[in-house]
N, C-alpha and C. Protein backbone atom coordinates (compact mmCIF):
# COMPACT_ATOMS: atom_id res chain seq x y z
N GLN A 1 2.14 -38.37 11.82
CA GLN A 1 2.90 -37.28 10.85
C GLN A 1 2.33 -35.89 10.69
N GLN A 2 1.30 -35.99 10.43
CA GLN A 2 0.41 -34.38 10.34
C GLN A 2 0.63 -33.76 11.63
N LEU A 3 0.44 -34.23 12.77
CA LEU A 3 0.64 -33.64 14.02
C LEU A 3 2.25 -33.10 14.10
N LEU A 4 3.00 -33.82 13.57
CA LEU A 4 4.49 -33.45 13.72
C LEU A 4 4.69 -32.29 12.91
N PHE A 5 4.37 -32.28 11.78
CA PHE A 5 4.61 -31.17 10.80
C PHE A 5 3.52 -30.01 11.08
N HIS A 6 2.67 -30.27 11.84
CA HIS A 6 1.69 -29.06 12.19
C HIS A 6 2.54 -28.24 13.45
N ASN A 7 3.24 -29.12 14.26
CA ASN A 7 3.91 -28.26 15.35
C ASN A 7 5.17 -27.94 14.91
N ILE A 8 5.90 -28.27 13.81
CA ILE A 8 7.21 -27.99 13.43
C ILE A 8 6.95 -26.63 12.65
N ALA A 9 5.78 -26.60 11.87
CA ALA A 9 5.94 -25.43 10.83
C ALA A 9 5.89 -24.33 11.53
N PRO A 10 4.94 -23.99 12.53
CA PRO A 10 5.04 -22.63 13.12
C PRO A 10 6.34 -22.06 13.59
N ARG A 11 7.28 -23.28 14.27
CA ARG A 11 8.68 -22.79 14.58
C ARG A 11 9.37 -22.38 13.63
N ASP A 12 9.33 -23.05 12.42
CA ASP A 12 10.08 -22.48 11.43
C ASP A 12 9.76 -21.25 10.63
N GLY A 13 8.35 -21.05 10.56
CA GLY A 13 7.94 -19.61 10.39
C GLY A 13 8.51 -18.58 11.31
N CYS A 14 8.45 -18.87 12.50
CA CYS A 14 8.95 -18.23 13.62
C CYS A 14 10.33 -17.70 13.50
N GLN A 15 11.19 -18.91 13.22
CA GLN A 15 12.48 -18.73 13.14
C GLN A 15 12.81 -17.89 11.99
N LEU A 16 12.02 -18.19 10.65
CA LEU A 16 12.45 -17.19 9.56
C LEU A 16 12.04 -15.93 9.72
N SER A 17 11.07 -15.53 10.60
CA SER A 17 10.68 -14.14 10.90
C SER A 17 11.64 -13.62 11.74
N LEU A 18 12.07 -14.44 12.78
CA LEU A 18 13.32 -13.65 13.60
C LEU A 18 14.62 -13.37 12.77
N ASN A 19 14.90 -14.57 12.01
CA ASN A 19 16.12 -14.15 11.00
C ASN A 19 15.88 -12.97 10.11
N ARG A 20 14.74 -12.88 9.69
CA ARG A 20 14.55 -11.49 8.74
C ARG A 20 14.77 -10.44 9.66
N ILE A 21 13.99 -10.40 10.86
CA ILE A 21 14.22 -8.91 11.69
C ILE A 21 15.54 -9.00 12.06
N GLN A 22 16.36 -9.80 12.26
CA GLN A 22 17.76 -9.56 12.64
C GLN A 22 18.64 -9.12 11.34
N THR A 23 18.36 -9.69 10.08
CA THR A 23 18.94 -9.52 8.94
C THR A 23 18.42 -7.81 8.58
N THR A 24 17.37 -7.52 8.90
CA THR A 24 16.69 -6.21 8.45
C THR A 24 17.56 -5.06 9.35
N LYS A 25 17.71 -5.54 10.76
CA LYS A 25 18.62 -4.59 11.58
C LYS A 25 20.05 -4.44 11.24
N LEU A 26 20.65 -5.59 10.81
CA LEU A 26 21.97 -5.48 10.40
C LEU A 26 21.99 -4.65 9.08
N SER A 27 21.17 -4.77 8.22
CA SER A 27 20.88 -4.00 6.82
C SER A 27 21.05 -2.53 7.34
N PHE A 28 20.09 -2.10 8.13
CA PHE A 28 19.92 -0.82 8.77
C PHE A 28 21.12 -0.09 9.42
N LEU A 29 21.82 -1.02 10.33
CA LEU A 29 22.86 -0.53 10.94
C LEU A 29 23.95 -0.18 10.13
N SER A 30 24.20 -1.20 8.96
CA SER A 30 25.22 -1.02 7.87
C SER A 30 24.91 0.25 7.19
N ALA A 31 23.35 0.62 6.98
CA ALA A 31 23.05 1.87 6.15
C ALA A 31 23.63 3.12 7.14
N ILE A 32 23.28 2.96 8.37
CA ILE A 32 23.72 4.09 9.26
C ILE A 32 25.13 4.09 9.32
N ALA A 33 26.00 3.20 9.28
CA ALA A 33 27.37 3.54 9.18
C ALA A 33 28.02 3.98 7.95
N LEU A 34 27.31 3.37 6.82
CA LEU A 34 27.90 3.98 5.49
C LEU A 34 27.44 5.44 5.34
N ILE A 35 26.26 5.55 5.48
CA ILE A 35 25.79 6.93 5.39
C ILE A 35 26.47 8.26 6.31
N LEU A 36 26.72 7.91 7.65
CA LEU A 36 27.56 8.69 8.49
C LEU A 36 28.91 8.95 7.85
N LEU A 37 29.54 7.54 7.55
CA LEU A 37 30.98 7.87 7.18
C LEU A 37 30.83 8.81 5.90
N SER A 38 30.17 8.48 5.00
CA SER A 38 29.88 9.31 3.75
C SER A 38 30.01 10.73 4.07
N SER A 39 28.89 11.16 5.14
CA SER A 39 28.52 12.37 5.35
C SER A 39 29.55 13.12 6.18
N ILE A 40 30.30 12.55 7.04
CA ILE A 40 31.36 12.80 7.69
C ILE A 40 32.76 13.18 6.76
N TRP A 41 32.78 12.19 5.81
CA TRP A 41 33.87 12.58 4.77
C TRP A 41 33.66 13.83 3.98
N ILE A 42 32.41 14.00 3.62
CA ILE A 42 31.91 15.34 2.84
C ILE A 42 32.14 16.25 3.84
N GLY A 43 31.68 16.24 5.16
CA GLY A 43 31.89 17.51 5.96
C GLY A 43 33.27 17.88 6.26
N ARG A 44 34.19 16.80 6.17
CA ARG A 44 35.71 17.03 6.42
C ARG A 44 35.92 17.85 5.19
N GLY A 45 35.72 17.71 4.14
CA GLY A 45 36.03 18.29 2.96
C GLY A 45 35.43 19.63 2.95
N VAL A 46 34.33 19.94 3.42
CA VAL A 46 33.63 21.40 3.62
C VAL A 46 34.37 22.02 4.49
N VAL A 47 34.75 21.65 5.59
CA VAL A 47 35.60 22.55 6.66
C VAL A 47 36.80 22.65 6.01
N ARG A 48 37.66 21.70 5.48
CA ARG A 48 38.98 21.88 4.89
C ARG A 48 39.03 22.83 4.04
N LEU A 49 38.01 22.91 3.07
CA LEU A 49 37.95 23.94 1.82
C LEU A 49 36.93 25.11 2.21
N SER A 50 36.87 25.46 3.54
CA SER A 50 35.78 26.51 3.68
C SER A 50 36.26 27.81 3.11
N SER A 51 37.74 27.98 2.98
CA SER A 51 38.19 29.20 2.54
C SER A 51 37.80 29.40 1.21
N LEU A 52 37.50 28.45 0.23
CA LEU A 52 37.09 28.69 -1.32
C LEU A 52 35.96 29.59 -1.12
N GLN A 53 35.75 30.25 -2.11
CA GLN A 53 34.75 31.39 -2.41
C GLN A 53 33.56 30.69 -3.12
N MET A 54 32.27 31.13 -2.31
CA MET A 54 30.95 30.55 -3.07
C MET A 54 30.97 31.17 -4.65
N ASP A 55 30.11 30.03 -5.36
CA ASP A 55 29.74 30.56 -6.54
C ASP A 55 28.51 31.48 -6.73
N MET A 56 28.12 31.84 -7.88
CA MET A 56 26.97 32.77 -7.82
C MET A 56 25.54 32.20 -7.07
N ASP A 57 25.30 30.70 -7.67
CA ASP A 57 24.13 30.09 -6.93
C ASP A 57 24.23 29.95 -5.62
N GLU A 58 25.41 29.41 -5.09
CA GLU A 58 25.69 29.13 -3.62
C GLU A 58 25.30 30.58 -2.89
N ALA A 59 25.79 31.57 -3.39
CA ALA A 59 25.79 32.87 -2.65
C ALA A 59 24.39 33.39 -2.65
N VAL A 60 23.76 33.21 -3.81
CA VAL A 60 22.21 33.49 -3.64
C VAL A 60 21.45 32.85 -2.64
N HIS A 61 21.50 31.47 -2.72
CA HIS A 61 20.93 30.70 -1.62
C HIS A 61 21.48 31.14 -0.13
N ALA A 62 22.76 31.11 -0.02
CA ALA A 62 23.29 31.61 1.52
C ALA A 62 22.66 32.75 1.89
N ARG A 63 22.68 33.76 0.88
CA ARG A 63 22.47 35.24 1.12
C ARG A 63 20.76 35.22 1.92
N ARG A 64 20.04 34.62 0.94
CA ARG A 64 18.44 34.56 1.56
C ARG A 64 18.57 33.72 2.97
N GLY A 65 19.20 32.74 3.13
CA GLY A 65 19.19 32.13 4.44
C GLY A 65 19.73 33.10 5.36
N LEU A 66 20.75 34.10 5.26
CA LEU A 66 21.25 35.13 5.92
C LEU A 66 20.19 36.28 6.24
N ASP A 67 19.63 36.72 5.22
CA ASP A 67 18.42 37.58 5.39
C ASP A 67 17.42 36.93 6.37
N VAL A 68 16.93 35.65 6.33
CA VAL A 68 15.86 35.28 7.21
C VAL A 68 16.43 35.28 8.55
N ALA A 69 17.89 34.76 8.73
CA ALA A 69 18.19 34.87 10.05
C ALA A 69 18.58 36.21 10.57
N SER A 70 18.89 37.07 10.07
CA SER A 70 19.05 38.38 10.55
C SER A 70 17.58 38.90 10.68
N ALA A 71 16.50 38.62 9.93
CA ALA A 71 15.15 39.30 10.48
C ALA A 71 14.85 38.55 11.71
N VAL A 72 14.92 37.07 11.80
CA VAL A 72 14.80 36.54 13.10
C VAL A 72 15.33 37.06 14.35
N LEU A 73 16.68 37.28 14.02
CA LEU A 73 17.42 37.63 15.47
C LEU A 73 17.24 39.17 15.52
N ARG A 74 16.72 39.97 14.87
CA ARG A 74 16.34 41.38 15.08
C ARG A 74 14.73 41.36 15.29
N ALA A 75 14.01 40.37 15.33
CA ALA A 75 12.54 40.15 15.65
C ALA A 75 11.72 41.30 14.81
N ASP A 76 12.40 41.06 13.58
CA ASP A 76 11.71 42.27 12.52
C ASP A 76 10.68 41.37 11.74
N TRP A 77 9.36 41.51 12.18
CA TRP A 77 8.30 40.58 11.56
C TRP A 77 8.08 41.12 10.12
N GLN A 78 8.18 42.23 9.92
CA GLN A 78 7.82 42.89 8.40
C GLN A 78 8.86 42.33 7.68
N ALA A 79 10.32 42.21 8.24
CA ALA A 79 11.11 41.54 7.12
C ALA A 79 11.03 40.15 7.14
N ILE A 80 10.59 39.56 8.05
CA ILE A 80 10.41 37.96 7.92
C ILE A 80 9.13 37.85 6.75
N VAL A 81 7.99 38.59 6.99
CA VAL A 81 6.89 38.61 5.97
C VAL A 81 7.50 38.89 4.55
N HIS A 82 8.64 39.83 4.57
CA HIS A 82 9.03 40.22 3.13
C HIS A 82 9.67 39.09 2.54
N GLU A 83 10.44 38.47 3.29
CA GLU A 83 11.29 37.15 2.75
C GLU A 83 10.41 36.08 2.30
N LEU A 84 9.04 36.06 2.84
CA LEU A 84 8.02 35.12 2.43
C LEU A 84 7.35 35.56 1.08
N VAL A 85 7.13 36.77 0.75
CA VAL A 85 6.71 37.05 -0.22
C VAL A 85 7.15 37.76 -1.42
N LYS A 86 8.53 38.11 -1.09
CA LYS A 86 9.22 39.22 -2.05
C LYS A 86 9.53 38.10 -3.48
N PRO A 87 9.54 38.91 -4.60
CA PRO A 87 9.69 37.99 -5.81
C PRO A 87 11.24 37.49 -5.91
N GLU A 88 11.52 36.35 -6.44
CA GLU A 88 12.75 35.67 -6.54
C GLU A 88 12.49 34.46 -7.40
N TRP A 89 13.57 33.97 -7.90
CA TRP A 89 13.49 32.83 -8.76
C TRP A 89 13.21 31.62 -8.11
N TYR A 90 13.62 31.64 -6.80
CA TYR A 90 13.20 30.14 -6.06
C TYR A 90 12.43 30.92 -4.84
N PRO A 91 11.32 29.63 -4.68
CA PRO A 91 10.67 29.86 -3.53
C PRO A 91 11.38 30.24 -2.02
N PRO A 92 10.74 30.58 -1.08
CA PRO A 92 11.37 31.00 0.27
C PRO A 92 11.67 29.71 1.14
N GLY A 93 11.23 28.45 0.85
CA GLY A 93 11.31 27.58 1.72
C GLY A 93 12.85 27.10 2.30
N HIS A 94 13.61 27.10 1.35
CA HIS A 94 14.87 26.74 1.64
C HIS A 94 15.52 27.96 2.42
N GLY A 95 15.43 29.00 1.89
CA GLY A 95 15.75 30.13 2.78
C GLY A 95 15.44 30.39 4.09
N ILE A 96 14.28 29.77 4.34
CA ILE A 96 13.65 29.98 5.68
C ILE A 96 14.52 28.84 6.80
N THR A 97 14.53 27.70 6.26
CA THR A 97 15.09 26.54 6.78
C THR A 97 16.47 26.88 7.22
N LEU A 98 17.09 27.18 6.19
CA LEU A 98 18.71 27.63 6.10
C LEU A 98 18.83 28.65 7.07
N GLY A 99 18.00 29.69 7.06
CA GLY A 99 17.98 30.86 7.87
C GLY A 99 18.07 30.28 9.43
N ILE A 100 17.17 29.40 9.75
CA ILE A 100 17.00 28.75 11.20
C ILE A 100 18.21 28.10 11.31
N TRP A 101 18.73 27.36 10.60
CA TRP A 101 20.03 26.72 10.69
C TRP A 101 21.27 27.56 10.97
N LEU A 102 21.33 28.51 10.35
CA LEU A 102 22.47 29.52 10.56
C LEU A 102 22.22 30.46 11.93
N TRP A 103 20.93 30.68 12.22
CA TRP A 103 20.70 31.29 13.24
C TRP A 103 21.12 30.38 14.52
N GLY A 104 21.15 29.26 14.50
CA GLY A 104 21.36 28.47 15.47
C GLY A 104 22.93 28.07 15.52
N LEU A 105 23.45 27.89 14.48
CA LEU A 105 24.88 27.26 14.39
C LEU A 105 25.93 28.59 13.94
N GLY A 106 25.29 29.92 13.27
CA GLY A 106 26.22 30.88 13.29
C GLY A 106 26.44 31.00 11.46
N PRO A 107 26.48 32.17 11.33
CA PRO A 107 26.82 32.52 9.79
C PRO A 107 27.96 32.43 9.05
N HIS A 108 28.39 31.09 8.86
CA HIS A 108 29.89 31.05 8.17
C HIS A 108 29.40 30.09 6.90
N VAL A 109 30.42 30.25 6.26
CA VAL A 109 30.58 29.40 4.83
C VAL A 109 30.41 27.99 4.84
N GLU A 110 31.07 27.40 5.88
CA GLU A 110 30.82 25.93 6.22
C GLU A 110 29.81 25.58 6.80
N THR A 111 29.00 26.39 7.58
CA THR A 111 27.79 26.11 8.18
C THR A 111 26.55 25.92 7.02
N ALA A 112 26.75 27.02 6.08
CA ALA A 112 25.82 27.22 5.26
C ALA A 112 25.86 25.81 4.14
N ARG A 113 27.09 25.44 3.90
CA ARG A 113 27.32 24.08 3.18
C ARG A 113 27.22 22.96 3.87
N LEU A 114 27.33 22.83 5.12
CA LEU A 114 27.00 21.84 5.82
C LEU A 114 25.52 21.15 6.08
N TYR A 115 24.77 22.44 5.90
CA TYR A 115 23.40 22.29 5.71
C TYR A 115 22.89 21.23 4.67
N SER A 116 23.62 21.33 3.45
CA SER A 116 23.21 20.35 2.60
C SER A 116 23.90 19.18 2.86
N THR A 117 24.96 19.04 3.63
CA THR A 117 25.43 17.75 4.06
C THR A 117 24.54 16.96 4.92
N LEU A 118 23.92 17.72 5.73
CA LEU A 118 22.82 17.05 6.63
C LEU A 118 21.85 16.31 5.72
N TRP A 119 21.34 17.27 4.74
CA TRP A 119 20.12 16.72 3.72
C TRP A 119 20.61 15.40 2.99
N PHE A 120 21.92 15.46 2.69
CA PHE A 120 22.56 14.24 1.99
C PHE A 120 22.46 12.92 2.89
N ALA A 121 22.60 13.23 4.31
CA ALA A 121 22.64 12.04 5.15
C ALA A 121 20.92 11.65 5.24
N VAL A 122 20.10 12.73 5.19
CA VAL A 122 18.81 12.16 5.33
C VAL A 122 18.16 11.61 4.05
N MET A 123 18.77 12.06 3.11
CA MET A 123 18.40 11.40 1.78
C MET A 123 18.85 10.05 1.61
N GLY A 124 19.89 9.77 2.15
CA GLY A 124 20.44 8.29 2.29
C GLY A 124 19.49 7.65 3.16
N PHE A 125 18.99 7.97 4.29
CA PHE A 125 18.11 6.90 4.90
C PHE A 125 16.78 6.90 4.42
N LEU A 126 16.16 7.92 3.39
CA LEU A 126 14.91 8.10 3.05
C LEU A 126 14.92 6.95 1.76
N LEU A 127 16.07 6.86 1.40
CA LEU A 127 16.37 5.83 0.04
C LEU A 127 16.07 4.70 0.76
N TRP A 128 16.85 4.22 1.77
CA TRP A 128 16.79 2.96 2.44
C TRP A 128 15.31 2.56 2.77
N PHE A 129 14.57 3.42 3.58
CA PHE A 129 13.27 3.37 3.92
C PHE A 129 12.33 3.17 2.89
N SER A 130 12.62 4.09 1.55
CA SER A 130 11.84 3.99 0.40
C SER A 130 11.74 2.41 -0.08
N LEU A 131 13.09 1.84 -0.23
CA LEU A 131 12.96 0.57 -1.15
C LEU A 131 12.39 -0.65 0.01
N LYS A 132 12.41 -0.26 1.16
CA LYS A 132 11.91 -1.30 2.34
C LYS A 132 10.40 -1.08 2.16
N GLU A 133 9.92 -0.08 1.85
CA GLU A 133 8.27 0.09 1.63
C GLU A 133 8.00 -0.48 0.31
N LEU A 134 8.82 -0.27 -0.80
CA LEU A 134 8.26 -0.90 -2.10
C LEU A 134 8.51 -2.33 -2.13
N LEU A 135 9.57 -2.86 -1.48
CA LEU A 135 9.82 -4.18 -1.86
C LEU A 135 9.98 -4.92 -0.20
N PRO A 136 8.85 -5.05 0.31
CA PRO A 136 9.05 -5.39 1.86
C PRO A 136 9.55 -6.95 1.93
N ASP A 137 9.09 -7.75 0.76
CA ASP A 137 9.61 -8.99 0.86
C ASP A 137 11.12 -9.43 0.28
N ALA A 138 11.74 -8.32 -0.04
CA ALA A 138 13.22 -8.60 -0.72
C ALA A 138 14.12 -8.76 0.37
N ASN A 139 15.30 -9.49 -0.02
CA ASN A 139 16.34 -9.44 0.97
C ASN A 139 16.79 -7.96 1.21
N PRO A 140 16.69 -7.87 2.94
CA PRO A 140 16.95 -6.56 3.38
C PRO A 140 18.27 -5.87 3.07
N PHE A 141 19.20 -6.75 2.71
CA PHE A 141 20.51 -6.03 2.12
C PHE A 141 20.26 -5.32 0.75
N MET A 142 19.26 -5.72 0.03
CA MET A 142 18.92 -5.08 -1.18
C MET A 142 18.68 -3.51 -0.77
N TYR A 143 18.02 -3.47 0.39
CA TYR A 143 17.59 -1.98 0.62
C TYR A 143 18.93 -1.02 0.80
N LEU A 144 20.18 -1.66 0.73
CA LEU A 144 21.34 -0.69 0.81
C LEU A 144 21.78 -0.01 -0.44
N VAL A 145 21.11 -0.85 -1.61
CA VAL A 145 21.59 -0.35 -3.03
C VAL A 145 21.40 1.35 -3.16
N PRO A 146 20.11 1.69 -2.92
CA PRO A 146 19.87 2.89 -3.52
C PRO A 146 20.68 4.08 -2.60
N PRO A 147 21.06 3.75 -1.06
CA PRO A 147 22.11 4.80 -0.75
C PRO A 147 23.52 4.55 -1.08
N LEU A 148 23.81 3.37 -1.60
CA LEU A 148 25.17 3.18 -2.04
C LEU A 148 25.22 3.89 -3.31
N PHE A 149 24.20 4.01 -4.33
CA PHE A 149 23.98 4.81 -5.26
C PHE A 149 24.22 6.11 -5.29
N LEU A 150 23.38 6.57 -4.11
CA LEU A 150 23.62 7.94 -3.71
C LEU A 150 25.04 8.45 -3.40
N MET A 151 25.72 7.64 -2.52
CA MET A 151 26.96 7.82 -2.22
C MET A 151 28.06 7.86 -3.51
N ALA A 152 27.81 7.04 -4.37
CA ALA A 152 28.74 6.81 -5.56
C ALA A 152 28.44 7.98 -6.43
N ASP A 153 27.33 8.51 -6.59
CA ASP A 153 27.15 9.75 -7.45
C ASP A 153 27.85 10.81 -7.33
N ALA A 154 28.55 11.22 -8.39
CA ALA A 154 29.48 12.40 -8.06
C ALA A 154 28.45 13.73 -7.87
N LEU A 155 27.41 13.81 -8.63
CA LEU A 155 26.65 15.08 -8.67
C LEU A 155 26.21 15.35 -7.24
N HIS A 156 25.31 14.23 -6.76
CA HIS A 156 24.88 14.36 -5.27
C HIS A 156 25.84 14.59 -4.15
N THR A 157 27.04 14.02 -4.37
CA THR A 157 28.03 14.12 -3.43
C THR A 157 28.89 15.52 -3.39
N VAL A 158 28.89 16.16 -4.78
CA VAL A 158 29.17 17.55 -4.74
C VAL A 158 28.32 18.36 -4.33
N TYR A 159 26.96 18.40 -4.54
CA TYR A 159 25.93 19.33 -4.12
C TYR A 159 25.84 19.05 -2.60
N ALA A 160 26.29 17.87 -1.92
CA ALA A 160 26.22 17.84 -0.62
C ALA A 160 27.15 18.51 0.24
N GLY A 161 28.14 19.21 -0.49
CA GLY A 161 29.19 20.08 0.11
C GLY A 161 29.14 21.51 -0.31
N LEU A 162 27.92 21.89 -1.10
CA LEU A 162 27.83 23.26 -1.56
C LEU A 162 26.20 23.57 -0.86
N ALA A 163 26.23 24.97 -0.74
CA ALA A 163 25.09 25.78 -0.23
C ALA A 163 24.13 25.67 -1.13
N MET A 164 23.63 24.65 -1.52
CA MET A 164 22.35 24.47 -2.70
C MET A 164 21.23 23.72 -2.28
N LEU A 165 19.98 23.89 -2.85
CA LEU A 165 18.85 23.52 -2.36
C LEU A 165 18.16 22.42 -2.92
N GLU A 166 18.94 21.66 -3.92
CA GLU A 166 18.45 20.46 -4.54
C GLU A 166 18.23 19.41 -3.75
N LEU A 167 19.29 19.07 -2.85
CA LEU A 167 19.00 17.97 -2.05
C LEU A 167 17.89 18.01 -0.90
N PRO A 168 17.64 19.38 -0.46
CA PRO A 168 16.36 19.27 0.58
C PRO A 168 15.12 19.24 -0.29
N ALA A 169 15.00 19.80 -1.65
CA ALA A 169 13.90 19.70 -2.41
C ALA A 169 13.61 18.17 -2.86
N ALA A 170 14.82 17.59 -3.24
CA ALA A 170 14.60 16.04 -3.65
C ALA A 170 14.17 15.17 -2.49
N ALA A 171 14.75 15.30 -1.40
CA ALA A 171 14.34 14.60 -0.11
C ALA A 171 12.98 14.92 0.14
N LEU A 172 12.37 15.91 0.37
CA LEU A 172 10.99 16.34 0.54
C LEU A 172 10.16 15.78 -0.50
N ALA A 173 10.48 15.85 -1.88
CA ALA A 173 9.74 15.03 -2.76
C ALA A 173 9.79 13.61 -2.64
N LEU A 174 10.85 12.97 -2.41
CA LEU A 174 10.89 11.48 -2.17
C LEU A 174 10.09 11.19 -0.78
N VAL A 175 10.05 11.81 0.21
CA VAL A 175 9.04 11.64 1.18
C VAL A 175 7.34 11.86 0.59
N GLY A 176 7.24 12.60 -0.26
CA GLY A 176 6.07 12.98 -0.63
C GLY A 176 5.58 11.54 -1.32
N LEU A 177 6.52 11.35 -2.29
CA LEU A 177 6.05 10.12 -3.11
C LEU A 177 6.07 8.88 -2.48
N LEU A 178 6.94 8.66 -1.26
CA LEU A 178 6.91 7.42 -0.30
C LEU A 178 5.30 7.54 0.04
N PHE A 179 4.77 8.35 0.68
CA PHE A 179 3.63 8.52 1.26
C PHE A 179 2.42 8.22 0.10
N LEU A 180 2.67 8.78 -1.03
CA LEU A 180 1.76 8.55 -2.06
C LEU A 180 1.76 6.82 -2.27
N VAL A 181 2.71 6.40 -2.30
CA VAL A 181 2.91 4.70 -2.46
C VAL A 181 1.75 4.23 -1.27
N ARG A 182 2.34 4.69 -0.16
CA ARG A 182 1.57 4.17 1.07
C ARG A 182 0.02 4.30 0.75
N ALA A 183 -0.40 5.74 0.37
CA ALA A 183 -1.96 5.83 0.26
C ALA A 183 -2.53 4.93 -0.84
N TRP A 184 -1.81 4.83 -2.00
CA TRP A 184 -2.15 3.77 -2.93
C TRP A 184 -2.58 2.54 -2.48
N ARG A 185 -1.50 1.95 -1.93
CA ARG A 185 -1.59 0.92 -1.26
C ARG A 185 -2.68 0.65 0.17
N ASN A 186 -3.01 1.49 0.93
CA ASN A 186 -3.88 1.35 2.01
C ASN A 186 -5.02 2.04 1.93
N ALA A 187 -5.13 2.93 0.89
CA ALA A 187 -6.33 3.84 0.80
C ALA A 187 -6.58 4.50 2.30
N ASN A 188 -5.41 5.42 2.79
CA ASN A 188 -5.29 5.82 4.07
C ASN A 188 -5.46 7.49 3.68
N LEU A 189 -6.49 7.96 4.48
CA LEU A 189 -6.48 9.63 4.33
C LEU A 189 -5.32 10.25 4.91
N ARG A 190 -4.72 9.72 5.84
CA ARG A 190 -3.67 10.38 6.50
C ARG A 190 -2.39 10.24 5.39
N ASP A 191 -2.23 9.15 4.87
CA ASP A 191 -1.30 9.14 4.00
C ASP A 191 -1.28 10.03 2.75
N HIS A 192 -2.61 10.16 2.25
CA HIS A 192 -2.87 11.16 1.30
C HIS A 192 -2.58 12.66 1.56
N LEU A 193 -2.98 12.91 2.82
CA LEU A 193 -2.49 14.28 3.30
C LEU A 193 -1.15 14.51 3.34
N LEU A 194 -0.53 13.81 4.00
CA LEU A 194 1.16 13.69 4.12
C LEU A 194 1.79 13.66 2.75
N ALA A 195 1.45 12.96 1.80
CA ALA A 195 1.70 13.07 0.42
C ALA A 195 1.55 14.54 0.03
N VAL A 196 0.45 14.98 0.02
CA VAL A 196 0.24 16.50 -0.39
C VAL A 196 0.98 17.46 0.32
N LEU A 197 1.29 17.26 1.82
CA LEU A 197 1.83 18.26 2.56
C LEU A 197 3.43 18.12 2.19
N PHE A 198 4.04 17.01 2.08
CA PHE A 198 5.41 16.87 1.67
C PHE A 198 5.66 17.56 0.30
N GLY A 199 4.92 17.05 -0.81
CA GLY A 199 4.76 17.63 -1.99
C GLY A 199 4.70 19.22 -2.20
N GLY A 200 3.95 19.74 -1.21
CA GLY A 200 3.89 21.20 -1.08
C GLY A 200 5.18 21.76 -0.42
N LEU A 201 5.66 21.13 0.46
CA LEU A 201 6.98 21.54 1.12
C LEU A 201 8.12 21.51 0.07
N SER A 202 8.15 20.63 -0.98
CA SER A 202 9.04 20.42 -1.98
C SER A 202 8.91 21.45 -2.96
N LEU A 203 7.47 21.74 -3.31
CA LEU A 203 7.31 22.99 -4.28
C LEU A 203 7.64 24.21 -3.33
N PHE A 204 7.73 24.45 -2.10
CA PHE A 204 8.09 25.63 -1.38
C PHE A 204 9.40 25.72 -1.37
N THR A 205 10.26 24.61 -1.82
CA THR A 205 11.56 24.54 -1.82
C THR A 205 12.23 24.76 -2.95
N LYS A 206 11.73 23.92 -4.25
CA LYS A 206 12.16 24.28 -5.56
C LYS A 206 10.88 23.80 -6.32
N TYR A 207 10.51 24.82 -7.28
CA TYR A 207 9.46 24.73 -7.78
C TYR A 207 9.25 23.22 -8.61
N ASN A 208 10.12 22.95 -9.60
CA ASN A 208 9.93 22.04 -10.31
C ASN A 208 9.91 20.59 -9.71
N PHE A 209 10.77 20.41 -8.53
CA PHE A 209 10.50 19.14 -7.84
C PHE A 209 9.17 18.97 -7.10
N GLY A 210 8.56 20.09 -6.52
CA GLY A 210 7.21 20.08 -6.04
C GLY A 210 6.37 19.71 -7.22
N LEU A 211 6.20 20.36 -8.04
CA LEU A 211 5.36 20.26 -9.52
C LEU A 211 5.41 18.88 -9.72
N VAL A 212 6.41 18.19 -10.08
CA VAL A 212 6.51 16.74 -10.37
C VAL A 212 5.90 16.08 -9.31
N THR A 213 6.18 16.15 -8.04
CA THR A 213 5.62 15.15 -6.86
C THR A 213 3.89 15.66 -7.00
N LEU A 214 3.56 16.80 -7.11
CA LEU A 214 2.11 16.92 -7.12
C LEU A 214 1.27 16.55 -8.34
N VAL A 215 2.07 16.69 -9.66
CA VAL A 215 1.27 16.08 -10.62
C VAL A 215 1.22 14.64 -10.61
N THR A 216 2.24 13.86 -10.15
CA THR A 216 2.38 12.55 -9.97
C THR A 216 1.25 11.93 -9.11
N TYR A 217 1.13 12.84 -7.92
CA TYR A 217 0.00 12.53 -7.06
C TYR A 217 -1.50 12.77 -7.82
N GLY A 218 -1.67 13.78 -8.56
CA GLY A 218 -2.77 13.89 -9.25
C GLY A 218 -3.20 12.80 -10.47
N VAL A 219 -1.93 12.41 -11.02
CA VAL A 219 -2.22 11.16 -12.00
C VAL A 219 -2.64 10.07 -11.24
N CYS A 220 -2.06 9.61 -10.08
CA CYS A 220 -2.19 8.52 -9.56
C CYS A 220 -3.74 8.50 -8.47
N LEU A 221 -4.42 9.49 -8.67
CA LEU A 221 -5.63 9.59 -8.00
C LEU A 221 -6.74 8.61 -8.56
């Protein structure tokens, strides 16, 4: 009897492991479908309403991206350095990455706004992976809950259709906090460095997001 159970138990364990892998894959595929459908729906609205004028905040962020794109196209290194150091309410990170985006896809109102839509999709995937990292033994379909909350939140979906910097800054901060959790669990130097790196990138995009991330890292040391 002991031999019988000894032979059966590993098979049961392998079957449970296989079922979990399949369930996790199904959860991830569901996340891809939901996030892409939501992002496409937001992008459709951005293109359809591209004639709407930008408000002041949008115009400030989009203008900085245009300034960076213009400096890159002209190969004007002095102007590029100026964009890095000139005094502004916001750090230059978003302007630089948005400028590269506009340089590649063209300087249009919908292009500037679709950059936020891209970060909305990135944020959805990051939320799925974050819960998977925090609760590795949970039912994989639980990992869909944070992305669903993101899609259901009116503020995030509105910002996903505007040329704003909150979604990029929040996504970078989330990556920093995710690596902080990994570093705290595994005592891995690489994860510590990545936590600081992404916290710094978040700070480089929007000051308060990065400060919260880096202060959290400092408190958890």
